[in-house]
Amino acid sequence: MSFNIKEYYSELSKGDVILAYKGTISSELINDILEAVEKRLDEANEDSSIKKRIYNILVESLQNLFHHIEEYHQGIEEDLDPKFGVLVIERENGMYKVTTGNFISSKRIKFLKEKIDKINSLTRDELKDMYKFILNHQKLSLKGGGGLGLVDIARKSGKKLEYVFYGYNENYSFFNLTIKV
């Protein structure tokens, strides 16, 4: 086992943290997090356009966590809830970083990597076209999405999506996604 969730979370939580959470991702939690972040951004007198972008990215990121978390973690030693995820929002060098993390089946890594790399390769206009195409042509998946989440996050952030897959065991890796605003 090379990946340690406690060390990972500790490292993420060192900066100018607005909010840090690790644990069960539930619909109630999503609402609580959105309210807390909105309040903290208001208290920081953040520009309304930045607040709106962060809020929208946060909604998509939390929905991705909630809908796409692997619920069964065969061989994962930590005592984790099946809907375990990580969320850290921090200020860094005049920007905000939204970082999410969750365990992912090793079988899904190739697909997800290719999807993110494709999104990262597109221009702003190409992302807009892709978003419209998905919106008009894709059917909803069993998990409720049509594949819009990551595209929408990339559009709203205006930056490349940063990701890392930390190997955990032969069946699972820990997927870290960082979005800068």
C-alpha atoms as a PDB file:
ATOM      1  CA  MET A   1       0.000   0.000   0.000  1.00  0.00           C
ATOM      2  CA  SER A   2       1.659   3.197  -1.160  1.00  0.00           C
ATOM      3  CA  PHE A   3      -1.151   5.722  -0.738  1.00  0.00           C
ATOM      4  CA  ASN A   4      -2.076   6.936   2.746  1.00  0.00           C
ATOM      5  CA  ILE A   5      -5.380   8.826   3.052  1.00  0.00           C
ATOM      6  CA  LYS A   6      -4.414  10.523   6.332  1.00  0.00           C
ATOM      7  CA  GLU A   7      -1.146  11.885   4.911  1.00  0.00           C
ATOM      8  CA  TYR A   8      -2.903  12.953   1.694  1.00  0.00           C
ATOM      9  CA  TYR A   9      -5.609  14.853   3.598  1.00  0.00           C
ATOM     10  CA  SER A  10      -3.090  16.408   5.970  1.00  0.00           C
ATOM     11  CA  GLU A  11      -1.024  17.692   3.031  1.00  0.00           C
ATOM     12  CA  LEU A  12      -4.105  19.139   1.301  1.00  0.00           C
ATOM     13  CA  SER A  13      -5.232  20.912   4.469  1.00  0.00           C
ATOM     14  CA  LYS A  14      -2.060  22.943   5.064  1.00  0.00           C
ATOM     15  CA  GLY A  15      -2.696  26.124   3.062  1.00  0.00           C
ATOM     16  CA  ASP A  16      -5.198  28.974   3.401  1.00  0.00           C
ATOM     17  CA  VAL A  17      -8.117  26.572   3.699  1.00  0.00           C
ATOM     18  CA  ILE A  18     -11.678  27.812   3.283  1.00  0.00           C
ATOM     19  CA  LEU A  19     -13.163  24.387   3.898  1.00  0.00           C
ATOM     20  CA  ALA A  20     -11.755  20.884   4.324  1.00  0.00           C
ATOM     21  CA  TYR A  21     -13.824  17.726   4.578  1.00  0.00           C
ATOM     22  CA  LYS A  22     -13.215  13.989   4.453  1.00  0.00           C
ATOM     23  CA  GLY A  23     -15.918  11.450   5.026  1.00  0.00           C
ATOM     24  CA  THR A  24     -19.308  10.392   3.749  1.00  0.00           C
ATOM     25  CA  ILE A  25     -20.611  12.324   0.751  1.00  0.00           C
ATOM     26  CA  SER A  26     -24.383  12.685   1.048  1.00  0.00           C
ATOM     27  CA  SER A  27     -26.983  14.997  -0.455  1.00  0.00           C
ATOM     28  CA  GLU A  28     -27.431  16.684   2.945  1.00  0.00           C
ATOM     29  CA  LEU A  29     -23.696  17.271   3.195  1.00  0.00           C
ATOM     30  CA  ILE A  30     -23.630  18.850  -0.274  1.00  0.00           C
ATOM     31  CA  ASN A  31     -26.201  21.428   0.823  1.00  0.00           C
ATOM     32  CA  ASP A  32     -24.325  22.140   4.054  1.00  0.00           C
ATOM     33  CA  ILE A  33     -21.009  22.584   2.219  1.00  0.00           C
ATOM     34  CA  LEU A  34     -22.533  24.915  -0.369  1.00  0.00           C
ATOM     35  CA  GLU A  35     -24.049  27.079   2.373  1.00  0.00           C
ATOM     36  CA  ALA A  36     -20.801  27.169   4.374  1.00  0.00           C
ATOM     37  CA  VAL A  37     -18.658  28.088   1.373  1.00  0.00           C
ATOM     38  CA  GLU A  38     -21.093  30.754   0.234  1.00  0.00           C
ATOM     39  CA  LYS A  39     -21.009  32.278   3.736  1.00  0.00           C
ATOM     40  CA  ARG A  40     -17.193  32.226   3.881  1.00  0.00           C
ATOM     41  CA  LEU A  41     -16.850  33.815   0.456  1.00  0.00           C
ATOM     42  CA  ASP A  42     -19.346  36.522   1.496  1.00  0.00           C
ATOM     43  CA  GLU A  43     -17.348  37.143   4.685  1.00  0.00           C
ATOM     44  CA  ALA A  44     -14.191  37.483   2.588  1.00  0.00           C
ATOM     45  CA  ASN A  45     -15.966  40.096   0.414  1.00  0.00           C
ATOM     46  CA  GLU A  46     -15.060  38.084  -2.669  1.00  0.00           C
ATOM     47  CA  ASP A  47     -16.097  39.452  -6.064  1.00  0.00           C
ATOM     48  CA  SER A  48     -19.553  38.166  -7.054  1.00  0.00           C
ATOM     49  CA  SER A  49     -18.364  36.750 -10.390  1.00  0.00           C
ATOM     50  CA  ILE A  50     -15.653  34.715  -8.609  1.00  0.00           C
ATOM     51  CA  LYS A  51     -18.175  33.547  -5.988  1.00  0.00           C
ATOM     52  CA  LYS A  52     -20.547  32.418  -8.723  1.00  0.00           C
ATOM     53  CA  ARG A  53     -17.823  30.481 -10.589  1.00  0.00           C
ATOM     54  CA  ILE A  54     -16.584  28.794  -7.409  1.00  0.00           C
ATOM     55  CA  TYR A  55     -20.131  27.934  -6.368  1.00  0.00           C
ATOM     56  CA  ASN A  56     -20.964  26.434  -9.782  1.00  0.00           C
ATOM     57  CA  ILE A  57     -17.717  24.436  -9.878  1.00  0.00           C
ATOM     58  CA  LEU A  58     -18.354  23.250  -6.350  1.00  0.00           C
ATOM     59  CA  VAL A  59     -21.881  22.082  -7.224  1.00  0.00           C
ATOM     60  CA  GLU A  60     -20.573  20.054 -10.190  1.00  0.00           C
ATOM     61  CA  SER A  61     -17.620  18.684  -8.208  1.00  0.00           C
ATOM     62  CA  LEU A  62     -19.794  17.558  -5.321  1.00  0.00           C
ATOM     63  CA  GLN A  63     -22.333  16.006  -7.675  1.00  0.00           C
ATOM     64  CA  ASN A  64     -19.509  14.115  -9.398  1.00  0.00           C
ATOM     65  CA  LEU A  65     -18.329  12.833  -6.024  1.00  0.00           C
ATOM     66  CA  PHE A  66     -21.817  11.887  -4.909  1.00  0.00           C
ATOM     67  CA  HIS A  67     -22.796  10.090  -8.123  1.00  0.00           C
ATOM     68  CA  HIS A  68     -19.496   8.476  -9.141  1.00  0.00           C
ATOM     69  CA  ILE A  69     -17.917   7.280  -5.909  1.00  0.00           C
ATOM     70  CA  GLU A  70     -17.063   3.589  -5.859  1.00  0.00           C
ATOM     71  CA  GLU A  71     -19.260   2.232  -3.089  1.00  0.00           C
ATOM     72  CA  TYR A  72     -17.455  -1.046  -2.590  1.00  0.00           C
ATOM     73  CA  HIS A  73     -13.775  -0.904  -1.692  1.00  0.00           C
ATOM     74  CA  GLN A  74     -12.450  -4.453  -1.817  1.00  0.00           C
ATOM     75  CA  GLY A  75      -9.029  -4.603  -0.205  1.00  0.00           C
ATOM     76  CA  ILE A  76      -8.980  -1.030   1.110  1.00  0.00           C
ATOM     77  CA  GLU A  77      -7.623  -1.270   4.623  1.00  0.00           C
ATOM     78  CA  GLU A  78      -8.921   1.978   6.103  1.00  0.00           C
ATOM     79  CA  ASP A  79     -12.253   1.908   7.883  1.00  0.00           C
ATOM     80  CA  LEU A  80     -14.083   4.095   5.377  1.00  0.00           C
ATOM     81  CA  ASP A  81     -17.722   4.667   4.635  1.00  0.00           C
ATOM     82  CA  PRO A  82     -18.778   3.344   1.206  1.00  0.00           C
ATOM     83  CA  LYS A  83     -19.484   6.922   0.043  1.00  0.00           C
ATOM     84  CA  PHE A  84     -16.081   8.236   1.207  1.00  0.00           C
ATOM     85  CA  GLY A  85     -14.701  11.351  -0.444  1.00  0.00           C
ATOM     86  CA  VAL A  86     -12.448  14.325   0.178  1.00  0.00           C
ATOM     87  CA  LEU A  87     -13.062  18.015  -0.546  1.00  0.00           C
ATOM     88  CA  VAL A  88     -10.687  20.886   0.144  1.00  0.00           C
ATOM     89  CA  ILE A  89     -11.184  24.495  -0.944  1.00  0.00           C
ATOM     90  CA  GLU A  90      -8.288  26.863  -0.441  1.00  0.00           C
ATOM     91  CA  ARG A  91      -6.851  30.185  -1.523  1.00  0.00           C
ATOM     92  CA  GLU A  92      -3.456  30.004  -3.148  1.00  0.00           C
ATOM     93  CA  ASN A  93      -1.544  32.782  -4.934  1.00  0.00           C
ATOM     94  CA  GLY A  94      -4.625  34.937  -5.549  1.00  0.00           C
ATOM     95  CA  MET A  95      -6.655  31.972  -6.839  1.00  0.00           C
ATOM     96  CA  TYR A  96      -8.989  29.427  -5.382  1.00  0.00           C
ATOM     97  CA  LYS A  97      -8.394  25.690  -5.626  1.00  0.00           C
ATOM     98  CA  VAL A  98     -11.171  23.140  -5.347  1.00  0.00           C
ATOM     99  CA  THR A  99      -9.747  19.664  -4.788  1.00  0.00           C
ATOM    100  CA  THR A 100     -11.791  16.502  -4.636  1.00  0.00           C
ATOM    101  CA  GLY A 101     -10.668  12.948  -4.077  1.00  0.00           C
ATOM    102  CA  ASN A 102     -12.189   9.491  -4.070  1.00  0.00           C
ATOM    103  CA  PHE A 103     -11.285   5.875  -4.619  1.00  0.00           C
ATOM    104  CA  ILE A 104     -11.770   4.631  -8.161  1.00  0.00           C
ATOM    105  CA  SER A 105     -11.666   1.166  -9.654  1.00  0.00           C
ATOM    106  CA  SER A 106      -8.434   0.646 -11.581  1.00  0.00           C
ATOM    107  CA  LYS A 107     -10.600  -0.472 -14.509  1.00  0.00           C
ATOM    108  CA  ARG A 108     -12.051   3.055 -14.862  1.00  0.00           C
ATOM    109  CA  ILE A 109      -8.756   4.969 -14.860  1.00  0.00           C
ATOM    110  CA  LYS A 110      -8.056   4.741 -18.592  1.00  0.00           C
ATOM    111  CA  PHE A 111     -11.537   5.995 -19.512  1.00  0.00           C
ATOM    112  CA  LEU A 112     -11.421   8.887 -17.039  1.00  0.00           C
ATOM    113  CA  LYS A 113      -7.880   9.885 -17.996  1.00  0.00           C
ATOM    114  CA  GLU A 114      -8.786   9.939 -21.703  1.00  0.00           C
ATOM    115  CA  LYS A 115     -11.908  11.987 -20.982  1.00  0.00           C
ATOM    116  CA  ILE A 116     -10.028  14.602 -18.931  1.00  0.00           C
ATOM    117  CA  ASP A 117      -7.145  14.754 -21.426  1.00  0.00           C
ATOM    118  CA  LYS A 118      -9.668  15.337 -24.241  1.00  0.00           C
ATOM    119  CA  ILE A 119     -11.347  18.120 -22.256  1.00  0.00           C
ATOM    120  CA  ASN A 120      -7.952  19.681 -21.451  1.00  0.00           C
ATOM    121  CA  SER A 121      -6.984  19.658 -25.141  1.00  0.00           C
ATOM    122  CA  LEU A 122      -9.956  21.765 -26.223  1.00  0.00           C
ATOM    123  CA  THR A 123     -10.130  25.522 -26.690  1.00  0.00           C
ATOM    124  CA  ARG A 124     -12.785  27.572 -24.930  1.00  0.00           C
ATOM    125  CA  ASP A 125     -14.971  27.548 -28.073  1.00  0.00           C
ATOM    126  CA  GLU A 126     -14.486  23.804 -28.550  1.00  0.00           C
ATOM    127  CA  LEU A 127     -15.517  23.211 -24.920  1.00  0.00           C
ATOM    128  CA  LYS A 128     -18.648  25.270 -25.529  1.00  0.00           C
ATOM    129  CA  ASP A 129     -19.436  23.217 -28.656  1.00  0.00           C
ATOM    130  CA  MET A 130     -18.813  19.956 -26.790  1.00  0.00           C
ATOM    131  CA  TYR A 131     -21.090  21.089 -23.959  1.00  0.00           C
ATOM    132  CA  LYS A 132     -23.892  21.913 -26.412  1.00  0.00           C
ATOM    133  CA  PHE A 133     -23.425  18.629 -28.264  1.00  0.00           C
ATOM    134  CA  ILE A 134     -23.621  16.576 -25.062  1.00  0.00           C
ATOM    135  CA  LEU A 135     -26.603  18.575 -23.870  1.00  0.00           C
ATOM    136  CA  ASN A 136     -28.482  17.926 -27.126  1.00  0.00           C
ATOM    137  CA  HIS A 137     -27.400  14.371 -27.950  1.00  0.00           C
ATOM    138  CA  GLN A 138     -26.524  12.357 -24.862  1.00  0.00           C
ATOM    139  CA  LYS A 139     -28.882  10.254 -22.834  1.00  0.00           C
ATOM    140  CA  LEU A 140     -28.774  10.298 -19.063  1.00  0.00           C
ATOM    141  CA  SER A 141     -26.640   7.560 -17.574  1.00  0.00           C
ATOM    142  CA  LEU A 142     -27.781   5.225 -14.810  1.00  0.00           C
ATOM    143  CA  LYS A 143     -26.061   7.554 -12.344  1.00  0.00           C
ATOM    144  CA  GLY A 144     -28.058  10.537 -13.617  1.00  0.00           C
ATOM    145  CA  GLY A 145     -25.492  12.416 -15.661  1.00  0.00           C
ATOM    146  CA  GLY A 146     -24.966  12.825 -19.343  1.00  0.00           C
ATOM    147  CA  GLY A 147     -21.243  13.492 -19.129  1.00  0.00           C
ATOM    148  CA  LEU A 148     -21.550  17.250 -18.740  1.00  0.00           C
ATOM    149  CA  GLY A 149     -19.943  17.673 -15.310  1.00  0.00           C
ATOM    150  CA  LEU A 150     -16.240  17.771 -16.183  1.00  0.00           C
ATOM    151  CA  VAL A 151     -16.885  19.768 -19.361  1.00  0.00           C
ATOM    152  CA  ASP A 152     -18.876  22.323 -17.387  1.00  0.00           C
ATOM    153  CA  ILE A 153     -16.187  22.519 -14.695  1.00  0.00           C
ATOM    154  CA  ALA A 154     -13.521  23.181 -17.343  1.00  0.00           C
ATOM    155  CA  ARG A 155     -15.694  25.850 -18.977  1.00  0.00           C
ATOM    156  CA  LYS A 156     -16.420  27.624 -15.689  1.00  0.00           C
ATOM    157  CA  SER A 157     -12.846  27.535 -14.403  1.00  0.00           C
ATOM    158  CA  GLY A 158     -11.236  28.594 -17.675  1.00  0.00           C
ATOM    159  CA  LYS A 159      -8.251  26.433 -16.692  1.00  0.00           C
ATOM    160  CA  LYS A 160      -7.021  22.917 -17.359  1.00  0.00           C
ATOM    161  CA  LEU A 161      -8.251  20.223 -14.996  1.00  0.00           C
ATOM    162  CA  GLU A 162      -5.394  18.842 -12.900  1.00  0.00           C
ATOM    163  CA  TYR A 163      -5.570  15.233 -11.868  1.00  0.00           C
ATOM    164  CA  VAL A 164      -3.540  12.456 -10.299  1.00  0.00           C
ATOM    165  CA  PHE A 165      -4.279   8.779  -9.768  1.00  0.00           C
ATOM    166  CA  TYR A 166      -2.499   7.520  -6.655  1.00  0.00           C
ATOM    167  CA  GLY A 167      -2.066   3.751  -6.741  1.00  0.00           C
ATOM    168  CA  TYR A 168      -3.581   2.063  -3.719  1.00  0.00           C
ATOM    169  CA  ASN A 169      -3.758  -1.642  -4.529  1.00  0.00           C
ATOM    170  CA  GLU A 170      -4.272  -3.767  -7.627  1.00  0.00           C
ATOM    171  CA  ASN A 171      -8.013  -2.985  -7.704  1.00  0.00           C
ATOM    172  CA  TYR A 172      -8.178   0.667  -6.661  1.00  0.00           C
ATOM    173  CA  SER A 173      -6.486   4.012  -7.000  1.00  0.00           C
ATOM    174  CA  PHE A 174      -7.284   7.300  -5.344  1.00  0.00           C
ATOM    175  CA  PHE A 175      -8.412   9.917  -7.870  1.00  0.00           C
ATOM    176  CA  ASN A 176      -7.446  13.526  -7.074  1.00  0.00           C
ATOM    177  CA  LEU A 177      -8.997  16.327  -9.165  1.00  0.00           C
ATOM    178  CA  THR A 178      -7.936  19.939  -8.702  1.00  0.00           C
ATOM    179  CA  ILE A 179      -9.736  22.863 -10.292  1.00  0.00           C
ATOM    180  CA  LYS A 180      -8.286  26.364 -10.140  1.00  0.00           C
ATOM    181  CA  VAL A 181     -10.441  29.498 -10.292  1.00  0.00           C
END
